[in-house]
Amino acid sequence: MPNIDLIIEKNLLIVFLLLTSFVFILLIWNIFIQVNLSRFKKRNEELFSGNKVKNIEELLLAQSQNLKTLDRDIQELFNISNQINTLAFRGFHKMGMVRFNPFKDVGGDQSFAIALLDGKNNGLTISSLYTREGTRIYSKSISAGKSEKYPLTEEEKEALEIAIKNIKKEPKG
């Protein structure tokens, strides 16, 4: 032990400078930690501001419940959307109409052919032939854009083509 005491006495200035620098480094480290802790507290206050929760676990559990509720709502909206899509394909929403004169020399265009189709181009055509003696109405089923059972007249084919290509245009203005 006497050797260590002797070395310390001879190098007292160096030991003092080393200990002083060590204390100074610890002081700087302490300031750095305090600044970071202060920043963390500010972030924590921002995170919990407006909430009655006091810890992050409660906040995360509340957010988890909110996400589960939102997920159920999204699933419900998805199911409703699928039902609406299914119904949209069942209803007639494509229409084509052609007015014509079956007798070129007499009367006006009082006869007509109408094609009513759903989203899969299934539906029917309705034709009305107007004459002086009366009006006759005919209907033919349409499957996938074609009549398989009865031949179509030119006017019915034209009405069917108009209905298949029917695109609703937004009004201008």
C-alpha atoms as a PDB file:
ATOM      1  CA  MET A   1       0.000   0.000   0.000  1.00  0.00           C
ATOM      2  CA  PRO A   2       2.766   2.456   0.610  1.00  0.00           C
ATOM      3  CA  ASN A   3       3.607   2.377  -3.076  1.00  0.00           C
ATOM      4  CA  ILE A   4       0.161   3.502  -4.110  1.00  0.00           C
ATOM      5  CA  ASP A   5       0.164   6.304  -1.578  1.00  0.00           C
ATOM      6  CA  LEU A   6       3.547   7.414  -2.809  1.00  0.00           C
ATOM      7  CA  ILE A   7       2.440   7.386  -6.452  1.00  0.00           C
ATOM      8  CA  ILE A   8      -0.685   9.396  -5.614  1.00  0.00           C
ATOM      9  CA  GLU A   9       1.352  11.961  -3.652  1.00  0.00           C
ATOM     10  CA  LYS A  10       3.813  12.436  -6.488  1.00  0.00           C
ATOM     11  CA  ASN A  11       1.058  12.746  -9.106  1.00  0.00           C
ATOM     12  CA  LEU A  12      -1.479  14.571  -7.006  1.00  0.00           C
ATOM     13  CA  LEU A  13      -2.066  17.231  -9.662  1.00  0.00           C
ATOM     14  CA  ILE A  14      -2.705  14.601 -12.360  1.00  0.00           C
ATOM     15  CA  VAL A  15      -5.043  12.623 -10.092  1.00  0.00           C
ATOM     16  CA  PHE A  16      -6.889  15.839  -9.221  1.00  0.00           C
ATOM     17  CA  LEU A  17      -7.251  16.730 -12.917  1.00  0.00           C
ATOM     18  CA  LEU A  18      -8.451  13.209 -13.767  1.00  0.00           C
ATOM     19  CA  LEU A  19     -11.016  13.207 -10.989  1.00  0.00           C
ATOM     20  CA  THR A  20     -12.144  16.723 -11.909  1.00  0.00           C
ATOM     21  CA  SER A  21     -12.552  15.771 -15.576  1.00  0.00           C
ATOM     22  CA  PHE A  22     -14.436  12.619 -14.548  1.00  0.00           C
ATOM     23  CA  VAL A  23     -16.807  14.679 -12.399  1.00  0.00           C
ATOM     24  CA  PHE A  24     -17.201  17.170 -15.262  1.00  0.00           C
ATOM     25  CA  ILE A  25     -18.040  14.326 -17.712  1.00  0.00           C
ATOM     26  CA  LEU A  26     -20.586  12.938 -15.225  1.00  0.00           C
ATOM     27  CA  LEU A  27     -22.117  16.400 -14.882  1.00  0.00           C
ATOM     28  CA  ILE A  28     -22.465  16.730 -18.691  1.00  0.00           C
ATOM     29  CA  TRP A  29     -23.913  13.204 -18.860  1.00  0.00           C
ATOM     30  CA  ASN A  30     -26.419  14.098 -16.135  1.00  0.00           C
ATOM     31  CA  ILE A  31     -27.480  17.251 -18.038  1.00  0.00           C
ATOM     32  CA  PHE A  32     -27.898  15.214 -21.227  1.00  0.00           C
ATOM     33  CA  ILE A  33     -30.087  12.661 -19.412  1.00  0.00           C
ATOM     34  CA  GLN A  34     -32.184  15.438 -17.838  1.00  0.00           C
ATOM     35  CA  VAL A  35     -32.796  17.078 -21.234  1.00  0.00           C
ATOM     36  CA  ASN A  36     -33.870  13.756 -22.741  1.00  0.00           C
ATOM     37  CA  LEU A  37     -36.112  13.030 -19.759  1.00  0.00           C
ATOM     38  CA  SER A  38     -37.719  16.456 -20.155  1.00  0.00           C
ATOM     39  CA  ARG A  39     -38.380  15.790 -23.849  1.00  0.00           C
ATOM     40  CA  PHE A  40     -39.861  12.387 -22.973  1.00  0.00           C
ATOM     41  CA  LYS A  41     -42.185  13.980 -20.401  1.00  0.00           C
ATOM     42  CA  LYS A  42     -43.375  16.545 -22.965  1.00  0.00           C
ATOM     43  CA  ARG A  43     -44.100  13.813 -25.520  1.00  0.00           C
ATOM     44  CA  ASN A  44     -45.864  11.790 -22.863  1.00  0.00           C
ATOM     45  CA  GLU A  45     -48.038  14.766 -21.938  1.00  0.00           C
ATOM     46  CA  GLU A  46     -48.914  15.320 -25.609  1.00  0.00           C
ATOM     47  CA  LEU A  47     -49.765  11.627 -25.992  1.00  0.00           C
ATOM     48  CA  PHE A  48     -52.084  11.601 -23.004  1.00  0.00           C
ATOM     49  CA  SER A  49     -53.502  15.098 -23.417  1.00  0.00           C
ATOM     50  CA  GLY A  50     -57.292  15.081 -23.620  1.00  0.00           C
ATOM     51  CA  ASN A  51     -57.450  11.509 -22.361  1.00  0.00           C
ATOM     52  CA  LYS A  52     -58.400  10.432 -18.878  1.00  0.00           C
ATOM     53  CA  VAL A  53     -55.917   7.560 -18.985  1.00  0.00           C
ATOM     54  CA  LYS A  54     -52.737   7.818 -17.001  1.00  0.00           C
ATOM     55  CA  ASN A  55     -50.656   5.100 -18.614  1.00  0.00           C
ATOM     56  CA  ILE A  56     -49.927   3.855 -22.079  1.00  0.00           C
ATOM     57  CA  GLU A  57     -51.411   0.411 -21.453  1.00  0.00           C
ATOM     58  CA  GLU A  58     -54.895   1.867 -20.911  1.00  0.00           C
ATOM     59  CA  LEU A  59     -54.486   4.017 -24.022  1.00  0.00           C
ATOM     60  CA  LEU A  60     -53.436   1.027 -26.134  1.00  0.00           C
ATOM     61  CA  LEU A  61     -56.346  -1.065 -24.862  1.00  0.00           C
ATOM     62  CA  ALA A  62     -58.787   1.737 -25.703  1.00  0.00           C
ATOM     63  CA  GLN A  63     -57.285   2.053 -29.195  1.00  0.00           C
ATOM     64  CA  SER A  64     -57.522  -1.710 -29.637  1.00  0.00           C
ATOM     65  CA  GLN A  65     -61.235  -1.576 -28.795  1.00  0.00           C
ATOM     66  CA  ASN A  66     -61.715   1.303 -31.257  1.00  0.00           C
ATOM     67  CA  LEU A  67     -59.980  -0.698 -33.986  1.00  0.00           C
ATOM     68  CA  LYS A  68     -62.175  -3.729 -33.322  1.00  0.00           C
ATOM     69  CA  THR A  69     -65.289  -1.553 -33.550  1.00  0.00           C
ATOM     70  CA  LEU A  70     -64.077   0.021 -36.787  1.00  0.00           C
ATOM     71  CA  ASP A  71     -63.261  -3.410 -38.190  1.00  0.00           C
ATOM     72  CA  ARG A  72     -66.821  -4.602 -37.445  1.00  0.00           C
ATOM     73  CA  ASP A  73     -68.234  -1.460 -39.082  1.00  0.00           C
ATOM     74  CA  ILE A  74     -66.069  -1.951 -42.170  1.00  0.00           C
ATOM     75  CA  GLN A  75     -67.140  -5.600 -42.436  1.00  0.00           C
ATOM     76  CA  GLU A  76     -70.792  -4.563 -42.144  1.00  0.00           C
ATOM     77  CA  LEU A  77     -70.347  -1.913 -44.865  1.00  0.00           C
ATOM     78  CA  PHE A  78     -68.583  -4.481 -47.049  1.00  0.00           C
ATOM     79  CA  ASN A  79     -71.537  -6.874 -46.692  1.00  0.00           C
ATOM     80  CA  ILE A  80     -74.013  -4.095 -47.475  1.00  0.00           C
ATOM     81  CA  SER A  81     -71.944  -3.138 -50.523  1.00  0.00           C
ATOM     82  CA  ASN A  82     -72.036  -6.735 -51.754  1.00  0.00           C
ATOM     83  CA  GLN A  83     -75.815  -6.865 -51.299  1.00  0.00           C
ATOM     84  CA  ILE A  84     -76.245  -3.600 -53.225  1.00  0.00           C
ATOM     85  CA  ASN A  85     -73.978  -4.902 -55.986  1.00  0.00           C
ATOM     86  CA  THR A  86     -75.989  -8.130 -56.211  1.00  0.00           C
ATOM     87  CA  LEU A  87     -79.272  -6.203 -56.360  1.00  0.00           C
ATOM     88  CA  ALA A  88     -77.865  -3.836 -58.986  1.00  0.00           C
ATOM     89  CA  PHE A  89     -77.133  -6.737 -61.304  1.00  0.00           C
ATOM     90  CA  ARG A  90     -80.678  -8.093 -60.880  1.00  0.00           C
ATOM     91  CA  GLY A  91     -82.574  -4.922 -61.717  1.00  0.00           C
ATOM     92  CA  PHE A  92     -82.999  -3.465 -65.173  1.00  0.00           C
ATOM     93  CA  HIS A  93     -80.641  -0.565 -65.612  1.00  0.00           C
ATOM     94  CA  LYS A  94     -79.809  -0.748 -69.288  1.00  0.00           C
ATOM     95  CA  MET A  95     -82.428   0.402 -71.737  1.00  0.00           C
ATOM     96  CA  GLY A  96     -82.562   0.883 -75.463  1.00  0.00           C
ATOM     97  CA  MET A  97     -85.501   2.093 -77.510  1.00  0.00           C
ATOM     98  CA  VAL A  98     -86.103   2.390 -81.231  1.00  0.00           C
ATOM     99  CA  ARG A  99     -89.178   3.973 -82.801  1.00  0.00           C
ATOM    100  CA  PHE A 100     -90.026   2.853 -86.312  1.00  0.00           C
ATOM    101  CA  ASN A 101     -92.706   2.637 -88.961  1.00  0.00           C
ATOM    102  CA  PRO A 102     -93.435  -0.988 -89.933  1.00  0.00           C
ATOM    103  CA  PHE A 103     -95.295   0.133 -93.048  1.00  0.00           C
ATOM    104  CA  LYS A 104     -93.101   2.518 -94.960  1.00  0.00           C
ATOM    105  CA  ASP A 105     -95.886   4.288 -96.879  1.00  0.00           C
ATOM    106  CA  VAL A 106     -98.516   4.746 -94.123  1.00  0.00           C
ATOM    107  CA  GLY A 107     -98.443   6.437 -90.694  1.00  0.00           C
ATOM    108  CA  GLY A 108     -95.632   7.728 -88.522  1.00  0.00           C
ATOM    109  CA  ASP A 109     -93.105   6.148 -86.186  1.00  0.00           C
ATOM    110  CA  GLN A 110     -95.680   4.965 -83.671  1.00  0.00           C
ATOM    111  CA  SER A 111     -94.311   1.437 -83.375  1.00  0.00           C
ATOM    112  CA  PHE A 112     -91.361   0.789 -81.091  1.00  0.00           C
ATOM    113  CA  ALA A 113     -88.955  -1.813 -79.762  1.00  0.00           C
ATOM    114  CA  ILE A 114     -87.592  -1.577 -76.213  1.00  0.00           C
ATOM    115  CA  ALA A 115     -84.791  -3.671 -74.702  1.00  0.00           C
ATOM    116  CA  LEU A 116     -84.531  -3.854 -70.889  1.00  0.00           C
ATOM    117  CA  LEU A 117     -81.374  -5.500 -69.505  1.00  0.00           C
ATOM    118  CA  ASP A 118     -79.727  -6.132 -66.166  1.00  0.00           C
ATOM    119  CA  GLY A 119     -75.992  -5.974 -65.413  1.00  0.00           C
ATOM    120  CA  LYS A 120     -75.346  -9.347 -67.076  1.00  0.00           C
ATOM    121  CA  ASN A 121     -77.272  -8.390 -70.228  1.00  0.00           C
ATOM    122  CA  ASN A 122     -80.206 -10.620 -69.313  1.00  0.00           C
ATOM    123  CA  GLY A 123     -83.699  -9.269 -69.732  1.00  0.00           C
ATOM    124  CA  LEU A 124     -86.319  -8.862 -72.425  1.00  0.00           C
ATOM    125  CA  THR A 125     -87.389  -6.966 -75.504  1.00  0.00           C
ATOM    126  CA  ILE A 126     -90.859  -5.526 -75.909  1.00  0.00           C
ATOM    127  CA  SER A 127     -92.078  -4.642 -79.397  1.00  0.00           C
ATOM    128  CA  SER A 128     -95.245  -2.800 -80.276  1.00  0.00           C
ATOM    129  CA  LEU A 129     -96.588  -2.754 -83.827  1.00  0.00           C
ATOM    130  CA  TYR A 130     -99.156  -0.032 -84.433  1.00  0.00           C
ATOM    131  CA  THR A 131    -101.640  -0.410 -87.292  1.00  0.00           C
ATOM    132  CA  ARG A 132    -104.991   1.147 -88.112  1.00  0.00           C
ATOM    133  CA  GLU A 133    -106.735  -2.012 -86.993  1.00  0.00           C
ATOM    134  CA  GLY A 134    -104.982  -2.161 -83.580  1.00  0.00           C
ATOM    135  CA  THR A 135    -101.744  -2.524 -81.706  1.00  0.00           C
ATOM    136  CA  ARG A 136     -99.895  -5.777 -81.201  1.00  0.00           C
ATOM    137  CA  ILE A 137     -97.296  -6.243 -78.461  1.00  0.00           C
ATOM    138  CA  TYR A 138     -94.583  -8.925 -78.465  1.00  0.00           C
ATOM    139  CA  SER A 139     -92.004  -9.856 -75.847  1.00  0.00           C
ATOM    140  CA  LYS A 140     -88.861 -11.979 -76.178  1.00  0.00           C
ATOM    141  CA  SER A 141     -86.454 -13.092 -73.474  1.00  0.00           C
ATOM    142  CA  ILE A 142     -82.797 -12.104 -73.698  1.00  0.00           C
ATOM    143  CA  SER A 143     -79.961 -14.112 -72.166  1.00  0.00           C
ATOM    144  CA  ALA A 144     -76.377 -12.791 -72.213  1.00  0.00           C
ATOM    145  CA  GLY A 145     -77.325 -10.221 -74.831  1.00  0.00           C
ATOM    146  CA  LYS A 146     -78.969 -12.685 -77.249  1.00  0.00           C
ATOM    147  CA  SER A 147     -82.369 -14.194 -77.844  1.00  0.00           C
ATOM    148  CA  GLU A 148     -81.916 -17.935 -78.053  1.00  0.00           C
ATOM    149  CA  LYS A 149     -85.551 -18.947 -78.438  1.00  0.00           C
ATOM    150  CA  TYR A 150     -87.014 -16.397 -80.888  1.00  0.00           C
ATOM    151  CA  PRO A 151     -85.394 -14.514 -83.757  1.00  0.00           C
ATOM    152  CA  LEU A 152     -85.125 -10.756 -83.261  1.00  0.00           C
ATOM    153  CA  THR A 153     -86.306  -8.167 -85.757  1.00  0.00           C
ATOM    154  CA  GLU A 154     -83.864  -5.526 -86.976  1.00  0.00           C
ATOM    155  CA  GLU A 155     -85.475  -2.933 -84.688  1.00  0.00           C
ATOM    156  CA  GLU A 156     -85.220  -5.272 -81.670  1.00  0.00           C
ATOM    157  CA  LYS A 157     -81.564  -5.963 -82.497  1.00  0.00           C
ATOM    158  CA  GLU A 158     -80.935  -2.215 -82.698  1.00  0.00           C
ATOM    159  CA  ALA A 159     -82.699  -1.586 -79.360  1.00  0.00           C
ATOM    160  CA  LEU A 160     -80.694  -4.441 -77.807  1.00  0.00           C
ATOM    161  CA  GLU A 161     -77.439  -2.990 -79.137  1.00  0.00           C
ATOM    162  CA  ILE A 162     -78.330   0.453 -77.758  1.00  0.00           C
ATOM    163  CA  ALA A 163     -79.135  -1.071 -74.355  1.00  0.00           C
ATOM    164  CA  ILE A 164     -75.883  -3.056 -74.200  1.00  0.00           C
ATOM    165  CA  LYS A 165     -73.832   0.030 -75.063  1.00  0.00           C
ATOM    166  CA  ASN A 166     -75.995   2.251 -72.846  1.00  0.00           C
ATOM    167  CA  ILE A 167     -73.724   4.479 -70.794  1.00  0.00           C
ATOM    168  CA  LYS A 168     -75.308   7.156 -68.708  1.00  0.00           C
ATOM    169  CA  LYS A 169     -73.713  10.523 -69.364  1.00  0.00           C
ATOM    170  CA  GLU A 170     -73.575  13.231 -66.721  1.00  0.00           C
ATOM    171  CA  PRO A 171     -75.510  16.354 -67.646  1.00  0.00           C
ATOM    172  CA  LYS A 172     -73.356  19.287 -68.668  1.00  0.00           C
ATOM    173  CA  GLY A 173     -73.388  22.501 -66.752  1.00  0.00           C
END
